[in-house]
Amino acid sequence: MKRLILLTAMFLTMTVGFAKDIKTVVLTTTPQMHCESCENKIKGNLRFEKGVKKIETSIEDQTVTIEYDADKTSVEKLIEAFKKFGYEAEPVTPKSEVEDNKTQPTTSGCCEP
């Protein structure tokens, strides 16, 4: 019985030790996405970045939600990755701040190969 308890405790300790640090960040892009081609360009390029686990885009909300392994990459590295394919990215700010700083959407160049 003692061995079983000891083995269970060791297993739980190992599981916690090997747990990945998975985080999520929501970004907005410039130029803004306005079509499926824009979404595919972003997803197609980001999927090769180290640590990226999942990418979701929303044209309606103008956001890119990225689930990533924080042990392998960071928000700063993900933002730099956008520059490789002609986009600028920044973390989404709370809605009240966005309403105070409204700007015209930029779509020029978003569908260029």
N, C-alpha and C. Protein backbone atom coordinates (compact mmCIF):
# COMPACT_ATOMS: atom_id res chain seq x y z
N MET A 1 0.83 -1.19 0.00
CA MET A 1 0.00 0.00 0.00
C MET A 1 0.88 1.27 0.00
N LYS A 2 1.94 1.22 0.80
CA LYS A 2 2.84 2.38 0.86
C LYS A 2 3.49 2.63 -0.50
N ARG A 3 3.84 1.55 -1.21
CA ARG A 3 4.48 1.69 -2.51
C ARG A 3 3.51 2.34 -3.51
N LEU A 4 2.26 1.94 -3.43
CA LEU A 4 1.26 2.51 -4.33
C LEU A 4 1.10 4.01 -4.09
N ILE A 5 1.03 4.40 -2.86
CA ILE A 5 0.91 5.83 -2.51
C ILE A 5 2.16 6.58 -2.96
N LEU A 6 3.33 5.99 -2.72
CA LEU A 6 4.58 6.62 -3.14
C LEU A 6 4.66 6.76 -4.65
N LEU A 7 4.29 5.73 -5.39
CA LEU A 7 4.30 5.80 -6.85
C LEU A 7 3.31 6.85 -7.37
N THR A 8 2.14 6.91 -6.77
CA THR A 8 1.14 7.90 -7.16
C THR A 8 1.68 9.31 -6.91
N ALA A 9 2.28 9.54 -5.77
CA ALA A 9 2.84 10.86 -5.45
C ALA A 9 3.95 11.23 -6.42
N MET A 10 4.81 10.27 -6.77
CA MET A 10 5.89 10.53 -7.72
C MET A 10 5.34 10.86 -9.10
N PHE A 11 4.31 10.13 -9.52
CA PHE A 11 3.69 10.38 -10.81
C PHE A 11 3.09 11.78 -10.87
N LEU A 12 2.38 12.18 -9.83
CA LEU A 12 1.78 13.52 -9.79
C LEU A 12 2.84 14.60 -9.81
N THR A 13 3.93 14.39 -9.10
CA THR A 13 5.03 15.35 -9.08
C THR A 13 5.65 15.49 -10.46
N MET A 14 5.85 14.37 -11.16
CA MET A 14 6.41 14.42 -12.51
C MET A 14 5.47 15.12 -13.47
N THR A 15 4.18 14.88 -13.35
CA THR A 15 3.20 15.50 -14.24
C THR A 15 3.22 17.01 -14.09
N VAL A 16 3.27 17.49 -12.86
CA VAL A 16 3.31 18.93 -12.62
C VAL A 16 4.62 19.52 -13.14
N GLY A 17 5.70 18.81 -12.99
CA GLY A 17 7.01 19.28 -13.44
C GLY A 17 7.12 19.42 -14.94
N PHE A 18 6.40 18.59 -15.69
CA PHE A 18 6.48 18.62 -17.14
C PHE A 18 5.34 19.42 -17.78
N ALA A 19 4.52 20.06 -16.99
CA ALA A 19 3.40 20.83 -17.54
C ALA A 19 3.93 22.01 -18.33
N LYS A 20 3.31 22.27 -19.49
CA LYS A 20 3.71 23.38 -20.34
C LYS A 20 3.01 24.65 -19.88
N ASP A 21 3.67 25.76 -20.12
CA ASP A 21 3.12 27.07 -19.78
C ASP A 21 2.41 27.62 -21.02
N ILE A 22 1.16 27.23 -21.22
CA ILE A 22 0.38 27.65 -22.39
C ILE A 22 -0.35 28.96 -22.06
N LYS A 23 -0.15 29.97 -22.90
CA LYS A 23 -0.78 31.28 -22.71
C LYS A 23 -1.52 31.67 -23.97
N THR A 24 -2.36 32.69 -23.85
CA THR A 24 -3.13 33.20 -24.97
C THR A 24 -2.95 34.72 -25.04
N VAL A 25 -2.80 35.24 -26.25
CA VAL A 25 -2.72 36.68 -26.47
C VAL A 25 -3.67 37.05 -27.60
N VAL A 26 -4.30 38.21 -27.48
CA VAL A 26 -5.19 38.72 -28.52
C VAL A 26 -4.53 39.96 -29.10
N LEU A 27 -4.34 39.94 -30.43
CA LEU A 27 -3.67 41.03 -31.12
C LEU A 27 -4.59 41.63 -32.18
N THR A 28 -4.31 42.87 -32.53
CA THR A 28 -4.97 43.51 -33.66
C THR A 28 -3.87 43.87 -34.66
N THR A 29 -4.22 43.92 -35.94
CA THR A 29 -3.20 44.10 -36.97
C THR A 29 -3.40 45.38 -37.77
N THR A 30 -2.28 45.83 -38.35
CA THR A 30 -2.29 46.90 -39.34
C THR A 30 -1.45 46.41 -40.49
N PRO A 31 -1.97 46.33 -41.70
CA PRO A 31 -3.33 46.68 -42.10
C PRO A 31 -4.34 45.71 -41.51
N GLN A 32 -5.57 46.17 -41.42
CA GLN A 32 -6.62 45.34 -40.85
C GLN A 32 -7.05 44.26 -41.82
N MET A 33 -7.56 43.18 -41.27
CA MET A 33 -8.07 42.08 -42.11
C MET A 33 -9.43 42.48 -42.64
N HIS A 34 -9.68 42.18 -43.93
CA HIS A 34 -11.02 42.45 -44.45
C HIS A 34 -11.55 41.33 -45.34
N CYS A 35 -10.78 40.23 -45.46
CA CYS A 35 -11.25 39.12 -46.29
C CYS A 35 -10.60 37.82 -45.82
N GLU A 36 -11.06 36.73 -46.41
CA GLU A 36 -10.53 35.42 -46.06
C GLU A 36 -9.06 35.29 -46.44
N SER A 37 -8.65 35.96 -47.50
CA SER A 37 -7.26 35.93 -47.92
C SER A 37 -6.34 36.52 -46.85
N CYS A 38 -6.80 37.58 -46.21
CA CYS A 38 -6.02 38.19 -45.12
C CYS A 38 -5.85 37.20 -43.96
N GLU A 39 -6.95 36.54 -43.61
CA GLU A 39 -6.91 35.55 -42.53
C GLU A 39 -5.95 34.41 -42.87
N ASN A 40 -6.04 33.91 -44.10
CA ASN A 40 -5.18 32.81 -44.51
C ASN A 40 -3.71 33.20 -44.52
N LYS A 41 -3.42 34.44 -44.91
CA LYS A 41 -2.05 34.91 -44.92
C LYS A 41 -1.47 34.91 -43.50
N ILE A 42 -2.25 35.41 -42.56
CA ILE A 42 -1.80 35.46 -41.16
C ILE A 42 -1.63 34.05 -40.60
N LYS A 43 -2.65 33.21 -40.76
CA LYS A 43 -2.57 31.84 -40.24
C LYS A 43 -1.45 31.05 -40.89
N GLY A 44 -1.31 31.21 -42.20
CA GLY A 44 -0.29 30.46 -42.93
C GLY A 44 1.12 30.80 -42.52
N ASN A 45 1.35 32.04 -42.17
CA ASN A 45 2.70 32.46 -41.78
C ASN A 45 2.98 32.21 -40.30
N LEU A 46 2.00 32.42 -39.45
CA LEU A 46 2.23 32.25 -38.01
C LEU A 46 2.34 30.80 -37.58
N ARG A 47 1.76 29.89 -38.34
CA ARG A 47 1.78 28.49 -37.92
C ARG A 47 3.19 27.92 -37.88
N PHE A 48 4.15 28.56 -38.54
CA PHE A 48 5.52 28.08 -38.53
C PHE A 48 6.35 28.67 -37.39
N GLU A 49 5.79 29.60 -36.64
CA GLU A 49 6.53 30.20 -35.54
C GLU A 49 6.64 29.21 -34.38
N LYS A 50 7.79 29.16 -33.80
CA LYS A 50 8.07 28.24 -32.69
C LYS A 50 7.13 28.52 -31.52
N GLY A 51 6.51 27.48 -30.99
CA GLY A 51 5.66 27.59 -29.81
C GLY A 51 4.21 27.88 -30.07
N VAL A 52 3.83 28.22 -31.30
CA VAL A 52 2.44 28.53 -31.61
C VAL A 52 1.63 27.24 -31.61
N LYS A 53 0.56 27.21 -30.82
CA LYS A 53 -0.28 26.02 -30.71
C LYS A 53 -1.59 26.16 -31.48
N LYS A 54 -2.18 27.35 -31.47
CA LYS A 54 -3.48 27.56 -32.09
C LYS A 54 -3.61 29.01 -32.51
N ILE A 55 -4.23 29.24 -33.69
CA ILE A 55 -4.44 30.59 -34.20
C ILE A 55 -5.90 30.72 -34.61
N GLU A 56 -6.56 31.75 -34.09
CA GLU A 56 -7.93 32.05 -34.49
C GLU A 56 -7.98 33.50 -34.94
N THR A 57 -8.64 33.75 -36.07
CA THR A 57 -8.78 35.12 -36.57
C THR A 57 -10.25 35.49 -36.60
N SER A 58 -10.53 36.79 -36.46
CA SER A 58 -11.89 37.29 -36.54
C SER A 58 -11.88 38.60 -37.32
N ILE A 59 -12.45 38.56 -38.52
CA ILE A 59 -12.55 39.78 -39.32
C ILE A 59 -13.49 40.75 -38.63
N GLU A 60 -14.58 40.24 -38.09
CA GLU A 60 -15.58 41.09 -37.43
C GLU A 60 -14.98 41.89 -36.27
N ASP A 61 -14.18 41.23 -35.44
CA ASP A 61 -13.57 41.90 -34.29
C ASP A 61 -12.20 42.48 -34.59
N GLN A 62 -11.65 42.16 -35.78
CA GLN A 62 -10.32 42.60 -36.17
C GLN A 62 -9.26 42.13 -35.17
N THR A 63 -9.36 40.84 -34.79
CA THR A 63 -8.42 40.29 -33.82
C THR A 63 -7.81 38.98 -34.32
N VAL A 64 -6.62 38.72 -33.80
CA VAL A 64 -5.94 37.45 -34.00
C VAL A 64 -5.65 36.91 -32.60
N THR A 65 -6.22 35.76 -32.28
CA THR A 65 -6.02 35.14 -30.97
C THR A 65 -5.03 33.99 -31.14
N ILE A 66 -3.93 34.06 -30.40
CA ILE A 66 -2.88 33.06 -30.53
C ILE A 66 -2.67 32.36 -29.19
N GLU A 67 -2.73 31.04 -29.23
CA GLU A 67 -2.41 30.22 -28.06
C GLU A 67 -0.99 29.73 -28.29
N TYR A 68 -0.10 29.95 -27.30
CA TYR A 68 1.31 29.63 -27.50
C TYR A 68 1.95 29.08 -26.24
N ASP A 69 3.07 28.39 -26.42
CA ASP A 69 3.85 27.85 -25.33
C ASP A 69 4.84 28.93 -24.89
N ALA A 70 4.64 29.47 -23.70
CA ALA A 70 5.47 30.58 -23.21
C ALA A 70 6.91 30.15 -22.94
N ASP A 71 7.16 28.85 -22.87
CA ASP A 71 8.54 28.38 -22.70
C ASP A 71 9.32 28.48 -24.02
N LYS A 72 8.60 28.56 -25.15
CA LYS A 72 9.25 28.58 -26.46
C LYS A 72 9.20 29.93 -27.17
N THR A 73 8.25 30.79 -26.82
CA THR A 73 8.13 32.09 -27.48
C THR A 73 7.52 33.09 -26.51
N SER A 74 7.41 34.33 -26.97
CA SER A 74 6.83 35.41 -26.15
C SER A 74 5.94 36.28 -27.04
N VAL A 75 5.19 37.16 -26.41
CA VAL A 75 4.34 38.08 -27.17
C VAL A 75 5.20 38.95 -28.08
N GLU A 76 6.34 39.39 -27.59
CA GLU A 76 7.23 40.23 -28.38
C GLU A 76 7.71 39.50 -29.64
N LYS A 77 8.05 38.22 -29.50
CA LYS A 77 8.49 37.44 -30.66
C LYS A 77 7.36 37.23 -31.66
N LEU A 78 6.15 37.04 -31.14
CA LEU A 78 5.00 36.87 -32.03
C LEU A 78 4.72 38.16 -32.80
N ILE A 79 4.82 39.30 -32.14
CA ILE A 79 4.63 40.59 -32.80
C ILE A 79 5.69 40.79 -33.88
N GLU A 80 6.92 40.40 -33.60
CA GLU A 80 8.00 40.50 -34.60
C GLU A 80 7.70 39.59 -35.80
N ALA A 81 7.08 38.45 -35.55
CA ALA A 81 6.76 37.51 -36.64
C ALA A 81 5.81 38.13 -37.65
N PHE A 82 4.91 38.98 -37.20
CA PHE A 82 3.97 39.64 -38.12
C PHE A 82 4.73 40.51 -39.13
N LYS A 83 5.82 41.11 -38.71
CA LYS A 83 6.58 42.00 -39.59
C LYS A 83 7.19 41.24 -40.77
N LYS A 84 7.44 39.95 -40.59
CA LYS A 84 8.04 39.14 -41.65
C LYS A 84 7.14 39.06 -42.88
N PHE A 85 5.83 39.21 -42.69
CA PHE A 85 4.92 39.12 -43.82
C PHE A 85 4.08 40.37 -44.02
N GLY A 86 4.62 41.52 -43.57
CA GLY A 86 4.05 42.82 -43.92
C GLY A 86 2.95 43.36 -43.02
N TYR A 87 2.82 42.85 -41.82
CA TYR A 87 1.81 43.34 -40.89
C TYR A 87 2.47 43.90 -39.64
N GLU A 88 1.80 44.81 -39.01
CA GLU A 88 2.15 45.28 -37.67
C GLU A 88 1.10 44.70 -36.74
N ALA A 89 1.48 44.35 -35.53
CA ALA A 89 0.53 43.79 -34.57
C ALA A 89 0.76 44.43 -33.21
N GLU A 90 -0.32 44.55 -32.47
CA GLU A 90 -0.22 45.04 -31.10
C GLU A 90 -1.31 44.40 -30.26
N PRO A 91 -1.03 44.22 -28.98
CA PRO A 91 -2.04 43.61 -28.11
C PRO A 91 -3.31 44.47 -28.06
N VAL A 92 -4.45 43.81 -27.95
CA VAL A 92 -5.73 44.51 -27.89
C VAL A 92 -5.84 45.19 -26.53
N THR A 93 -6.26 46.47 -26.56
CA THR A 93 -6.47 47.22 -25.32
C THR A 93 -7.93 47.11 -24.91
N PRO A 94 -8.21 47.37 -23.64
CA PRO A 94 -9.62 47.32 -23.21
C PRO A 94 -10.50 48.23 -24.06
N LYS A 95 -11.74 47.86 -24.23
CA LYS A 95 -12.67 48.55 -25.13
C LYS A 95 -12.80 50.04 -24.84
N SER A 96 -12.81 50.44 -23.58
CA SER A 96 -12.98 51.86 -23.24
C SER A 96 -11.82 52.69 -23.79
N GLU A 97 -10.59 52.16 -23.76
CA GLU A 97 -9.45 52.87 -24.30
C GLU A 97 -9.52 52.96 -25.82
N VAL A 98 -9.98 51.91 -26.46
CA VAL A 98 -10.09 51.89 -27.91
C VAL A 98 -11.08 52.94 -28.38
N GLU A 99 -12.21 53.08 -27.70
CA GLU A 99 -13.22 54.06 -28.09
C GLU A 99 -12.69 55.48 -27.99
N ASP A 100 -11.79 55.75 -27.05
CA ASP A 100 -11.22 57.07 -26.90
C ASP A 100 -10.23 57.40 -28.01
N ASN A 101 -9.61 56.38 -28.60
CA ASN A 101 -8.57 56.58 -29.61
C ASN A 101 -8.96 56.01 -30.96
N LYS A 102 -10.18 56.27 -31.42
CA LYS A 102 -10.65 55.70 -32.69
C LYS A 102 -9.85 56.26 -33.85
N THR A 103 -9.48 55.35 -34.78
CA THR A 103 -8.77 55.75 -35.99
C THR A 103 -9.44 55.07 -37.17
N GLN A 104 -9.16 55.56 -38.36
CA GLN A 104 -9.71 54.97 -39.56
C GLN A 104 -9.01 53.64 -39.84
N PRO A 105 -9.74 52.60 -40.24
CA PRO A 105 -9.10 51.32 -40.55
C PRO A 105 -8.19 51.43 -41.76
N THR A 106 -7.10 50.71 -41.71
CA THR A 106 -6.13 50.68 -42.80
C THR A 106 -6.20 49.32 -43.44
N THR A 107 -6.50 49.26 -44.74
CA THR A 107 -6.58 47.98 -45.42
C THR A 107 -5.62 47.90 -46.60
N SER A 108 -4.88 48.95 -46.87
CA SER A 108 -3.99 48.93 -48.04
C SER A 108 -2.91 47.86 -47.87
N GLY A 109 -2.75 47.06 -48.91
CA GLY A 109 -1.70 46.06 -48.92
C GLY A 109 -2.02 44.76 -48.22
N CYS A 110 -3.20 44.62 -47.66
CA CYS A 110 -3.48 43.41 -46.87
C CYS A 110 -3.63 42.17 -47.72
N CYS A 111 -4.01 42.31 -48.95
CA CYS A 111 -4.23 41.13 -49.79
C CYS A 111 -3.14 40.92 -50.81
N GLU A 112 -2.06 41.65 -50.68
CA GLU A 112 -0.94 41.47 -51.59
C GLU A 112 -0.21 40.19 -51.22
N PRO A 113 0.30 39.44 -52.18
CA PRO A 113 0.98 38.18 -51.88
C PRO A 113 2.27 38.39 -51.10
